[in-house]
Amino acid sequence: MTGFDNRRAIASPHTHPPQKFMLVSTARNLAALLLGAAIFTALPAQITTSTATGTQGTFTVSSTDLANAGQPTFASLVINIGSALYGSNVAKLNDGTTYEAADNLNTTPTLTPMEGSIIIFKFNTSINTQGYNLASIAVLTGSGQGRAGQNFVAYWTPVGSESFNQLFSVNQPTGDIEMRTNTFFDGGGPLATGVGSMAFVFLNTGGAESMYREIDIFGTATGAAQAIPEPSTYATLIGAISLGLVWMRRRKS
């Protein structure tokens, strides 16, 4: 079975004892999962989440991120526990669009999750066997009904593992018509490396269920080969160094 490990992916000066939660659909274990998610909400000091709000159409979403349905880096997206409410659809989270027919009231072009729902993104590790480095994660919510709040916990697994490690959490109350959060490692490095999959646990925002419109997961393949300069580039560099040496010798003489 798949489990959640609430140890942080990046060291934090404020740590809590690790807990592991099994992804089974019993009320007892789901309650334990929600309790754990509520306890372990502090972000590691090096991880930053920025929040922006706006009106309908303020933000755009990506169709080229790692998790987009049209990209070769994407493998699958499912609801593992819980359900999509009011005719909403988990597939809307990574289709590269935000609205259908400019309708910001309808839930159908969103995922409107039941509290405690868990979704799992799996990346294509057959083409990148070492997994992926996560650079940043952007989450867009909102509607004309004020359902822009975000409250979730994000987890990740290394390639070949089914144990989910807590990465970060977001808890923003309902704001304007649209809200976008962007989470990144403010030290300049990746949020996590060698990632095979991600999970999001959706919690209550204190009002009507939030309408999640898109989750963009940006990053690169772990261990991707660095670009090798063309032979002409080497020739140019060698020529420049040779000219420099000649100039220095003439100056000394």
C-alpha atoms as a PDB file:
ATOM      1  CA  MET A   1       0.000   0.000   0.000  1.00  0.00           C
ATOM      2  CA  THR A   2       0.958   3.597  -0.469  1.00  0.00           C
ATOM      3  CA  GLY A   3       1.850   5.685   2.572  1.00  0.00           C
ATOM      4  CA  PHE A   4       2.506   9.267   3.568  1.00  0.00           C
ATOM      5  CA  ASP A   5       5.634  10.218   5.502  1.00  0.00           C
ATOM      6  CA  ASN A   6       5.397  13.688   7.052  1.00  0.00           C
ATOM      7  CA  ARG A   7       9.149  14.160   7.353  1.00  0.00           C
ATOM      8  CA  ARG A   8      10.199  17.219   5.422  1.00  0.00           C
ATOM      9  CA  ALA A   9      12.020  16.899   2.141  1.00  0.00           C
ATOM     10  CA  ILE A  10      14.360  19.737   3.182  1.00  0.00           C
ATOM     11  CA  ALA A  11      15.712  20.205   6.696  1.00  0.00           C
ATOM     12  CA  SER A  12      13.904  22.684   8.936  1.00  0.00           C
ATOM     13  CA  PRO A  13      15.007  24.143  12.270  1.00  0.00           C
ATOM     14  CA  HIS A  14      11.560  23.228  13.638  1.00  0.00           C
ATOM     15  CA  THR A  15      10.893  19.546  13.195  1.00  0.00           C
ATOM     16  CA  HIS A  16       8.162  17.201  14.390  1.00  0.00           C
ATOM     17  CA  PRO A  17       8.268  13.450  14.937  1.00  0.00           C
ATOM     18  CA  PRO A  18       7.677  11.697  11.607  1.00  0.00           C
ATOM     19  CA  GLN A  19       4.371   9.977  10.993  1.00  0.00           C
ATOM     20  CA  LYS A  20       3.305   7.703   8.196  1.00  0.00           C
ATOM     21  CA  PHE A  21      -0.229   7.385   6.891  1.00  0.00           C
ATOM     22  CA  MET A  22      -1.552   4.584   4.746  1.00  0.00           C
ATOM     23  CA  LEU A  23      -3.762   5.458   1.800  1.00  0.00           C
ATOM     24  CA  VAL A  24      -6.788   3.319   2.581  1.00  0.00           C
ATOM     25  CA  SER A  25     -10.373   4.433   2.354  1.00  0.00           C
ATOM     26  CA  THR A  26     -11.469   3.705   5.933  1.00  0.00           C
ATOM     27  CA  ALA A  27     -12.905   6.498   8.054  1.00  0.00           C
ATOM     28  CA  ARG A  28     -10.418   5.794  10.850  1.00  0.00           C
ATOM     29  CA  ASN A  29      -7.332   6.122   8.668  1.00  0.00           C
ATOM     30  CA  LEU A  30      -8.738   9.096   6.777  1.00  0.00           C
ATOM     31  CA  ALA A  31      -9.286  10.867  10.102  1.00  0.00           C
ATOM     32  CA  ALA A  32      -5.688  10.088  11.052  1.00  0.00           C
ATOM     33  CA  LEU A  33      -4.508  11.459   7.717  1.00  0.00           C
ATOM     34  CA  LEU A  34      -6.454  14.709   8.177  1.00  0.00           C
ATOM     35  CA  LEU A  35      -5.209  15.080  11.744  1.00  0.00           C
ATOM     36  CA  GLY A  36      -1.624  14.570  10.638  1.00  0.00           C
ATOM     37  CA  ALA A  37      -2.003  17.071   7.812  1.00  0.00           C
ATOM     38  CA  ALA A  38      -3.371  19.615  10.284  1.00  0.00           C
ATOM     39  CA  ILE A  39      -0.495  19.097  12.719  1.00  0.00           C
ATOM     40  CA  PHE A  40       2.348  19.205  10.223  1.00  0.00           C
ATOM     41  CA  THR A  41       1.533  22.459   8.453  1.00  0.00           C
ATOM     42  CA  ALA A  42       4.698  24.493   9.152  1.00  0.00           C
ATOM     43  CA  LEU A  43       6.743  25.161   6.030  1.00  0.00           C
ATOM     44  CA  PRO A  44      10.463  24.427   6.003  1.00  0.00           C
ATOM     45  CA  ALA A  45      12.325  27.701   6.392  1.00  0.00           C
ATOM     46  CA  GLN A  46      13.795  27.514   2.895  1.00  0.00           C
ATOM     47  CA  ILE A  47      10.472  27.024   1.102  1.00  0.00           C
ATOM     48  CA  THR A  48       8.426  30.094   0.192  1.00  0.00           C
ATOM     49  CA  THR A  49       4.838  30.386  -1.000  1.00  0.00           C
ATOM     50  CA  SER A  50       3.746  33.629  -2.642  1.00  0.00           C
ATOM     51  CA  THR A  51       0.064  34.481  -2.999  1.00  0.00           C
ATOM     52  CA  ALA A  52      -1.637  36.740  -5.546  1.00  0.00           C
ATOM     53  CA  THR A  53      -5.329  37.494  -6.075  1.00  0.00           C
ATOM     54  CA  GLY A  54      -7.276  39.023  -8.918  1.00  0.00           C
ATOM     55  CA  THR A  55     -10.422  39.054 -10.975  1.00  0.00           C
ATOM     56  CA  GLN A  56     -11.486  36.567 -13.626  1.00  0.00           C
ATOM     57  CA  GLY A  57      -8.786  36.049 -16.224  1.00  0.00           C
ATOM     58  CA  THR A  58      -6.022  37.729 -14.192  1.00  0.00           C
ATOM     59  CA  PHE A  59      -3.793  34.670 -14.333  1.00  0.00           C
ATOM     60  CA  THR A  60      -2.705  32.334 -17.089  1.00  0.00           C
ATOM     61  CA  VAL A  61      -1.756  28.690 -16.734  1.00  0.00           C
ATOM     62  CA  SER A  62       0.879  26.535 -18.394  1.00  0.00           C
ATOM     63  CA  SER A  63       0.368  23.833 -20.983  1.00  0.00           C
ATOM     64  CA  THR A  64       4.041  22.809 -20.963  1.00  0.00           C
ATOM     65  CA  ASP A  65       4.746  22.012 -17.289  1.00  0.00           C
ATOM     66  CA  LEU A  66       5.757  18.528 -16.142  1.00  0.00           C
ATOM     67  CA  ALA A  67       2.225  17.561 -15.096  1.00  0.00           C
ATOM     68  CA  ASN A  68       0.310  18.820 -18.123  1.00  0.00           C
ATOM     69  CA  ALA A  69      -1.727  16.131 -19.825  1.00  0.00           C
ATOM     70  CA  GLY A  70      -0.186  16.918 -23.202  1.00  0.00           C
ATOM     71  CA  GLN A  71       3.429  16.504 -22.115  1.00  0.00           C
ATOM     72  CA  PRO A  72       5.553  13.332 -22.381  1.00  0.00           C
ATOM     73  CA  THR A  73       6.681  13.852 -18.775  1.00  0.00           C
ATOM     74  CA  PHE A  74       3.120  13.225 -17.520  1.00  0.00           C
ATOM     75  CA  ALA A  75       1.902   9.688 -16.803  1.00  0.00           C
ATOM     76  CA  SER A  76      -1.393   9.836 -14.881  1.00  0.00           C
ATOM     77  CA  LEU A  77      -3.662  11.797 -12.530  1.00  0.00           C
ATOM     78  CA  VAL A  78      -6.274  10.145 -10.309  1.00  0.00           C
ATOM     79  CA  ILE A  79      -8.357  10.777  -7.204  1.00  0.00           C
ATOM     80  CA  ASN A  80      -7.037   8.207  -4.725  1.00  0.00           C
ATOM     81  CA  ILE A  81      -9.418   9.047  -1.866  1.00  0.00           C
ATOM     82  CA  GLY A  82     -12.511  11.229  -1.856  1.00  0.00           C
ATOM     83  CA  SER A  83     -14.434  12.586  -4.813  1.00  0.00           C
ATOM     84  CA  ALA A  84     -14.996  15.473  -7.200  1.00  0.00           C
ATOM     85  CA  LEU A  85     -18.149  17.387  -6.247  1.00  0.00           C
ATOM     86  CA  TYR A  86     -20.851  19.088  -8.329  1.00  0.00           C
ATOM     87  CA  GLY A  87     -19.881  17.570 -11.656  1.00  0.00           C
ATOM     88  CA  SER A  88     -16.260  18.722 -11.393  1.00  0.00           C
ATOM     89  CA  ASN A  89     -13.421  16.654 -12.829  1.00  0.00           C
ATOM     90  CA  VAL A  90      -9.867  15.967 -11.658  1.00  0.00           C
ATOM     91  CA  ALA A  91      -8.690  16.006 -15.299  1.00  0.00           C
ATOM     92  CA  LYS A  92      -9.327  19.774 -15.377  1.00  0.00           C
ATOM     93  CA  LEU A  93      -6.325  20.296 -13.087  1.00  0.00           C
ATOM     94  CA  ASN A  94      -3.757  19.681 -15.816  1.00  0.00           C
ATOM     95  CA  ASP A  95      -5.433  20.447 -19.131  1.00  0.00           C
ATOM     96  CA  GLY A  96      -3.723  23.830 -19.598  1.00  0.00           C
ATOM     97  CA  THR A  97      -6.996  25.805 -19.477  1.00  0.00           C
ATOM     98  CA  THR A  98      -8.930  27.708 -16.811  1.00  0.00           C
ATOM     99  CA  TYR A  99     -12.438  28.443 -18.074  1.00  0.00           C
ATOM    100  CA  GLU A 100     -14.896  27.022 -20.549  1.00  0.00           C
ATOM    101  CA  ALA A 101     -17.005  29.569 -22.465  1.00  0.00           C
ATOM    102  CA  ALA A 102     -15.772  32.265 -20.047  1.00  0.00           C
ATOM    103  CA  ASP A 103     -17.929  30.717 -17.312  1.00  0.00           C
ATOM    104  CA  ASN A 104     -16.456  31.327 -13.869  1.00  0.00           C
ATOM    105  CA  LEU A 105     -19.517  30.110 -11.944  1.00  0.00           C
ATOM    106  CA  ASN A 106     -19.762  26.532 -13.188  1.00  0.00           C
ATOM    107  CA  THR A 107     -17.817  23.820 -11.357  1.00  0.00           C
ATOM    108  CA  THR A 108     -17.424  21.592 -14.429  1.00  0.00           C
ATOM    109  CA  PRO A 109     -14.131  23.167 -15.654  1.00  0.00           C
ATOM    110  CA  THR A 110     -12.609  22.688 -12.178  1.00  0.00           C
ATOM    111  CA  LEU A 111     -11.844  20.154  -9.501  1.00  0.00           C
ATOM    112  CA  THR A 112     -14.083  20.968  -6.544  1.00  0.00           C
ATOM    113  CA  PRO A 113     -12.863  18.331  -4.076  1.00  0.00           C
ATOM    114  CA  MET A 114     -14.623  16.880  -1.104  1.00  0.00           C
ATOM    115  CA  GLU A 115     -12.717  17.600   2.107  1.00  0.00           C
ATOM    116  CA  GLY A 116     -10.014  15.001   2.614  1.00  0.00           C
ATOM    117  CA  SER A 117      -9.763  14.113  -1.067  1.00  0.00           C
ATOM    118  CA  ILE A 118      -6.335  13.002  -2.240  1.00  0.00           C
ATOM    119  CA  ILE A 119      -5.125  13.264  -5.821  1.00  0.00           C
ATOM    120  CA  ILE A 120      -1.941  11.715  -7.169  1.00  0.00           C
ATOM    121  CA  PHE A 121       0.114  12.897 -10.141  1.00  0.00           C
ATOM    122  CA  LYS A 122       2.501  10.322 -11.573  1.00  0.00           C
ATOM    123  CA  PHE A 123       5.345  11.381 -13.833  1.00  0.00           C
ATOM    124  CA  ASN A 124       6.685   9.380 -16.753  1.00  0.00           C
ATOM    125  CA  THR A 125       9.821   7.741 -15.386  1.00  0.00           C
ATOM    126  CA  SER A 126      10.237   5.460 -18.389  1.00  0.00           C
ATOM    127  CA  ILE A 127      11.742   8.362 -20.339  1.00  0.00           C
ATOM    128  CA  ASN A 128      13.526   9.886 -17.316  1.00  0.00           C
ATOM    129  CA  THR A 129      14.443   6.985 -15.074  1.00  0.00           C
ATOM    130  CA  GLN A 130      15.949   9.185 -12.349  1.00  0.00           C
ATOM    131  CA  GLY A 131      12.758  11.187 -11.972  1.00  0.00           C
ATOM    132  CA  TYR A 132      12.374  14.956 -11.928  1.00  0.00           C
ATOM    133  CA  ASN A 133      13.628  18.020 -10.079  1.00  0.00           C
ATOM    134  CA  LEU A 134      10.740  20.204  -8.925  1.00  0.00           C
ATOM    135  CA  ALA A 135      11.417  23.907  -9.426  1.00  0.00           C
ATOM    136  CA  SER A 136       8.066  25.450  -8.439  1.00  0.00           C
ATOM    137  CA  ILE A 137       4.391  24.599  -8.096  1.00  0.00           C
ATOM    138  CA  ALA A 138       1.592  27.023  -8.997  1.00  0.00           C
ATOM    139  CA  VAL A 139      -2.017  26.418  -7.949  1.00  0.00           C
ATOM    140  CA  LEU A 140      -4.922  28.458  -9.351  1.00  0.00           C
ATOM    141  CA  THR A 141      -8.352  28.601  -7.712  1.00  0.00           C
ATOM    142  CA  GLY A 142     -11.412  30.762  -7.943  1.00  0.00           C
ATOM    143  CA  SER A 143     -14.835  31.527  -9.270  1.00  0.00           C
ATOM    144  CA  GLY A 144     -17.521  34.147  -9.251  1.00  0.00           C
ATOM    145  CA  GLN A 145     -18.836  32.454  -6.127  1.00  0.00           C
ATOM    146  CA  GLY A 146     -15.830  33.411  -4.028  1.00  0.00           C
ATOM    147  CA  ARG A 147     -14.444  29.865  -3.966  1.00  0.00           C
ATOM    148  CA  ALA A 148     -10.829  30.937  -4.297  1.00  0.00           C
ATOM    149  CA  GLY A 149      -9.515  29.683  -0.958  1.00  0.00           C
ATOM    150  CA  GLN A 150      -6.686  27.152  -0.877  1.00  0.00           C
ATOM    151  CA  ASN A 151      -5.988  24.656   1.882  1.00  0.00           C
ATOM    152  CA  PHE A 152      -3.913  21.640   0.954  1.00  0.00           C
ATOM    153  CA  VAL A 153      -0.797  19.653   1.788  1.00  0.00           C
ATOM    154  CA  ALA A 154       1.603  18.586  -0.976  1.00  0.00           C
ATOM    155  CA  TYR A 155       3.644  15.363  -0.840  1.00  0.00           C
ATOM    156  CA  TRP A 156       6.200  13.693  -3.107  1.00  0.00           C
ATOM    157  CA  THR A 157       7.735  10.262  -3.618  1.00  0.00           C
ATOM    158  CA  PRO A 158      11.173   9.304  -4.929  1.00  0.00           C
ATOM    159  CA  VAL A 159      11.259   7.168  -8.061  1.00  0.00           C
ATOM    160  CA  GLY A 160      10.449   3.557  -7.211  1.00  0.00           C
ATOM    161  CA  SER A 161       8.967   4.378  -3.799  1.00  0.00           C
ATOM    162  CA  GLU A 162       5.368   4.449  -2.600  1.00  0.00           C
ATOM    163  CA  SER A 163       6.110   6.386   0.591  1.00  0.00           C
ATOM    164  CA  PHE A 164       4.981  10.020   0.313  1.00  0.00           C
ATOM    165  CA  ASN A 165       7.053  12.699   2.071  1.00  0.00           C
ATOM    166  CA  GLN A 166       5.476  16.012   3.030  1.00  0.00           C
ATOM    167  CA  LEU A 167       6.874  18.851   0.939  1.00  0.00           C
ATOM    168  CA  PHE A 168       4.843  21.945   1.868  1.00  0.00           C
ATOM    169  CA  SER A 169       1.370  23.117   2.825  1.00  0.00           C
ATOM    170  CA  VAL A 170      -0.813  26.063   1.869  1.00  0.00           C
ATOM    171  CA  ASN A 171      -3.670  27.506   3.906  1.00  0.00           C
ATOM    172  CA  GLN A 172      -5.096  30.707   2.459  1.00  0.00           C
ATOM    173  CA  PRO A 173      -8.672  31.804   3.271  1.00  0.00           C
ATOM    174  CA  THR A 174     -11.103  32.670   0.527  1.00  0.00           C
ATOM    175  CA  GLY A 175      -9.941  35.859  -1.126  1.00  0.00           C
ATOM    176  CA  ASP A 176     -10.835  37.562  -4.382  1.00  0.00           C
ATOM    177  CA  ILE A 177     -12.404  35.979  -7.446  1.00  0.00           C
ATOM    178  CA  GLU A 178      -9.121  34.277  -8.355  1.00  0.00           C
ATOM    179  CA  MET A 179      -6.130  33.211  -6.285  1.00  0.00           C
ATOM    180  CA  ARG A 180      -2.772  31.826  -7.375  1.00  0.00           C
ATOM    181  CA  THR A 181      -0.156  30.461  -5.016  1.00  0.00           C
ATOM    182  CA  ASN A 182       3.382  29.776  -6.182  1.00  0.00           C
ATOM    183  CA  THR A 183       5.697  27.665  -4.052  1.00  0.00           C
ATOM    184  CA  PHE A 184       9.446  27.501  -4.627  1.00  0.00           C
ATOM    185  CA  PHE A 185      12.767  26.999  -2.841  1.00  0.00           C
ATOM    186  CA  ASP A 186      14.074  30.486  -2.106  1.00  0.00           C
ATOM    187  CA  GLY A 187      17.659  29.244  -1.962  1.00  0.00           C
ATOM    188  CA  GLY A 188      17.588  28.834  -5.739  1.00  0.00           C
ATOM    189  CA  GLY A 189      17.628  25.029  -5.830  1.00  0.00           C
ATOM    190  CA  PRO A 190      14.863  22.501  -6.450  1.00  0.00           C
ATOM    191  CA  LEU A 191      12.046  21.765  -4.012  1.00  0.00           C
ATOM    192  CA  ALA A 192      12.864  18.064  -4.342  1.00  0.00           C
ATOM    193  CA  THR A 193      14.928  15.848  -6.649  1.00  0.00           C
ATOM    194  CA  GLY A 194      14.401  12.398  -8.107  1.00  0.00           C
ATOM    195  CA  VAL A 195      10.621  12.789  -7.882  1.00  0.00           C
ATOM    196  CA  GLY A 196       8.416  10.064  -9.297  1.00  0.00           C
ATOM    197  CA  SER A 197       5.008  11.301  -8.197  1.00  0.00           C
ATOM    198  CA  MET A 198       3.184  13.972  -6.189  1.00  0.00           C
ATOM    199  CA  ALA A 199       0.057  13.934  -4.059  1.00  0.00           C
ATOM    200  CA  PHE A 200      -2.203  16.733  -2.837  1.00  0.00           C
ATOM    201  CA  VAL A 201      -4.500  16.399   0.172  1.00  0.00           C
ATOM    202  CA  PHE A 202      -7.333  18.944   0.051  1.00  0.00           C
ATOM    203  CA  LEU A 203      -8.672  20.320   3.324  1.00  0.00           C
ATOM    204  CA  ASN A 204     -11.560  22.583   4.321  1.00  0.00           C
ATOM    205  CA  THR A 205     -11.100  26.319   3.715  1.00  0.00           C
ATOM    206  CA  GLY A 206     -13.835  27.259   6.194  1.00  0.00           C
ATOM    207  CA  GLY A 207     -16.474  28.096   3.584  1.00  0.00           C
ATOM    208  CA  ALA A 208     -17.873  26.658   0.377  1.00  0.00           C
ATOM    209  CA  GLU A 209     -15.710  24.050  -1.325  1.00  0.00           C
ATOM    210  CA  SER A 210     -12.904  25.635  -3.331  1.00  0.00           C
ATOM    211  CA  MET A 211     -12.797  25.401  -7.112  1.00  0.00           C
ATOM    212  CA  TYR A 212      -9.279  24.326  -8.134  1.00  0.00           C
ATOM    213  CA  ARG A 213      -8.685  25.263 -11.770  1.00  0.00           C
ATOM    214  CA  GLU A 214      -5.093  24.216 -12.462  1.00  0.00           C
ATOM    215  CA  ILE A 215      -1.982  22.811 -10.812  1.00  0.00           C
ATOM    216  CA  ASP A 216       1.222  23.558 -12.718  1.00  0.00           C
ATOM    217  CA  ILE A 217       4.305  21.601 -11.658  1.00  0.00           C
ATOM    218  CA  PHE A 218       7.482  23.047 -13.137  1.00  0.00           C
ATOM    219  CA  GLY A 219      10.838  21.299 -13.238  1.00  0.00           C
ATOM    220  CA  THR A 220      13.396  19.354 -15.215  1.00  0.00           C
ATOM    221  CA  ALA A 221      14.584  15.787 -15.537  1.00  0.00           C
ATOM    222  CA  THR A 222      16.889  14.721 -12.715  1.00  0.00           C
ATOM    223  CA  GLY A 223      20.393  14.063 -13.968  1.00  0.00           C
ATOM    224  CA  ALA A 224      19.725  15.670 -17.335  1.00  0.00           C
ATOM    225  CA  ALA A 225      22.938  15.906 -19.336  1.00  0.00           C
ATOM    226  CA  GLN A 226      24.420  19.351 -19.579  1.00  0.00           C
ATOM    227  CA  ALA A 227      24.747  20.849 -23.033  1.00  0.00           C
ATOM    228  CA  ILE A 228      28.091  20.006 -24.655  1.00  0.00           C
ATOM    229  CA  PRO A 229      29.699  22.908 -26.565  1.00  0.00           C
ATOM    230  CA  GLU A 230      30.143  22.511 -30.308  1.00  0.00           C
ATOM    231  CA  PRO A 231      33.727  21.981 -31.606  1.00  0.00           C
ATOM    232  CA  SER A 232      33.622  25.489 -33.055  1.00  0.00           C
ATOM    233  CA  THR A 233      33.027  26.835 -29.540  1.00  0.00           C
ATOM    234  CA  TYR A 234      36.138  25.082 -28.250  1.00  0.00           C
ATOM    235  CA  ALA A 235      38.127  26.456 -31.187  1.00  0.00           C
ATOM    236  CA  THR A 236      36.977  29.987 -30.402  1.00  0.00           C
ATOM    237  CA  LEU A 237      37.913  29.627 -26.734  1.00  0.00           C
ATOM    238  CA  ILE A 238      41.349  28.214 -27.536  1.00  0.00           C
ATOM    239  CA  GLY A 239      41.948  30.997 -30.026  1.00  0.00           C
ATOM    240  CA  ALA A 240      40.999  33.658 -27.477  1.00  0.00           C
ATOM    241  CA  ILE A 241      43.302  32.141 -24.850  1.00  0.00           C
ATOM    242  CA  SER A 242      46.206  31.976 -27.339  1.00  0.00           C
ATOM    243  CA  LEU A 243      45.762  35.637 -28.295  1.00  0.00           C
ATOM    244  CA  GLY A 244      45.716  36.559 -24.642  1.00  0.00           C
ATOM    245  CA  LEU A 245      48.972  34.732 -23.973  1.00  0.00           C
ATOM    246  CA  VAL A 246      50.641  36.407 -26.970  1.00  0.00           C
ATOM    247  CA  TRP A 247      49.487  39.841 -25.771  1.00  0.00           C
ATOM    248  CA  MET A 248      50.810  39.198 -22.238  1.00  0.00           C
ATOM    249  CA  ARG A 249      54.234  38.091 -23.568  1.00  0.00           C
ATOM    250  CA  ARG A 250      54.544  41.145 -25.781  1.00  0.00           C
ATOM    251  CA  ARG A 251      53.609  43.428 -22.878  1.00  0.00           C
ATOM    252  CA  LYS A 252      56.288  41.895 -20.642  1.00  0.00           C
ATOM    253  CA  SER A 253      58.945  42.239 -23.347  1.00  0.00           C
END
